[in-house]
Amino acid sequence: MNTTSSHIIHEITPLSEKDCFYIADRRKSEFTYPLHSHSEFEINYIENAEGVRRIVGDSVEVIGKFDLTLIAGEELEHVWEQHDCTSKNIREITIQFSKELFFGNLIHKNQFSSIRQMLNNGQKGISFPMETIMKIYPLLDTLAAEKSGFHAVMKLLTILYELSMCDNCRTLASTSFAHIDDNTDSRRVRKIYEHINNHYQEEIRLEELAKIIGMTPVALSRFFKLRTGKTVSDHIIDVRLGNATRLLVDTTNSIAEICYDCGFNNLSNFNRIFKKRKECSPKEFRENYRKTKVIV
């Protein structure tokens, strides 16, 4: 394994160039592997680990008894920490596969459109709900024991397809933290994204955004909510928080400096919004994240 300049481990996975995927089905009593990233895509299923803390980019959540996550961001850092978990009978199934498995001609076929969209969204990490976990569990449960390599690949494709059919999964890391462009087919939405990304440190008025795409402010508000599922103001906050979390991780700047550098004009308001969205204060986020960067 290698380490980056920020002391995040870059994992060299066991996946061979001659194999379609690698799978590990483990029973364990604790999580000890530190914060890391890798080039391969990963599906990670965890069972009987209530209280474990999952970190994917700037998303920090404590999981329940079951957790299923897709990581499809090449350098998206992630880790599962022991935190409050007391279970001694944890099951973890990890499936890793190269993006080259799909991102040739195959992924652009119509039959793979839902998987293509899911892998694009997975650049920010995706968490799947319980009903989806239960739906694909029989396939996950038997995949490692499948003796036929061909049938194992067919099972993996089926798992990916069923995951791509989930309509209530959640992306985890923010776009700005994951360093990706939001994939949208609307030129007008892209223009709004571009302006916000370039000017998030400044005051951004709805009127100026509306002028950029030739709409009234009211029409823009309705259009943006319809196309993205959130309000313009919520998106601006997401961009500012994503950049703030990156600065909390990568710099030693004070929290007040980061607050104003990211376009928030009031420190107490920044702390309140941050705690509401991340369920911890900026100071706690920085301290918790730094703990995961200790290499063991």
Foldseek 3Di string as FASTA:
>chain_A
DDADPLLAAEDDDPDDPVAFKDKDKDWFQFFDAFKYFAQWKKKKKKAQQAQKWKDWQLAIDGDGRIWIKIALARGTIIGIHSGPGRGGTMIMMMMTGHPVSDPDVNCPDPVNVLLVVVSVLNLQMKIDDPVLCVVLVVLSVCLVVDPDSVVSVVSVVVNSVSRSPDPPIDGGAFCLSSVDDDDDPDPLVSVLVVVLLVALLEDDDLCVSCVVNVHHSVVVQVVCCVRPVDGSVVVSVSSLVSQLLVCLSPHPDDNVVSCNRRNHPDSVVQQVVCCVVRVDGSVVSSVVNVVSSDHD
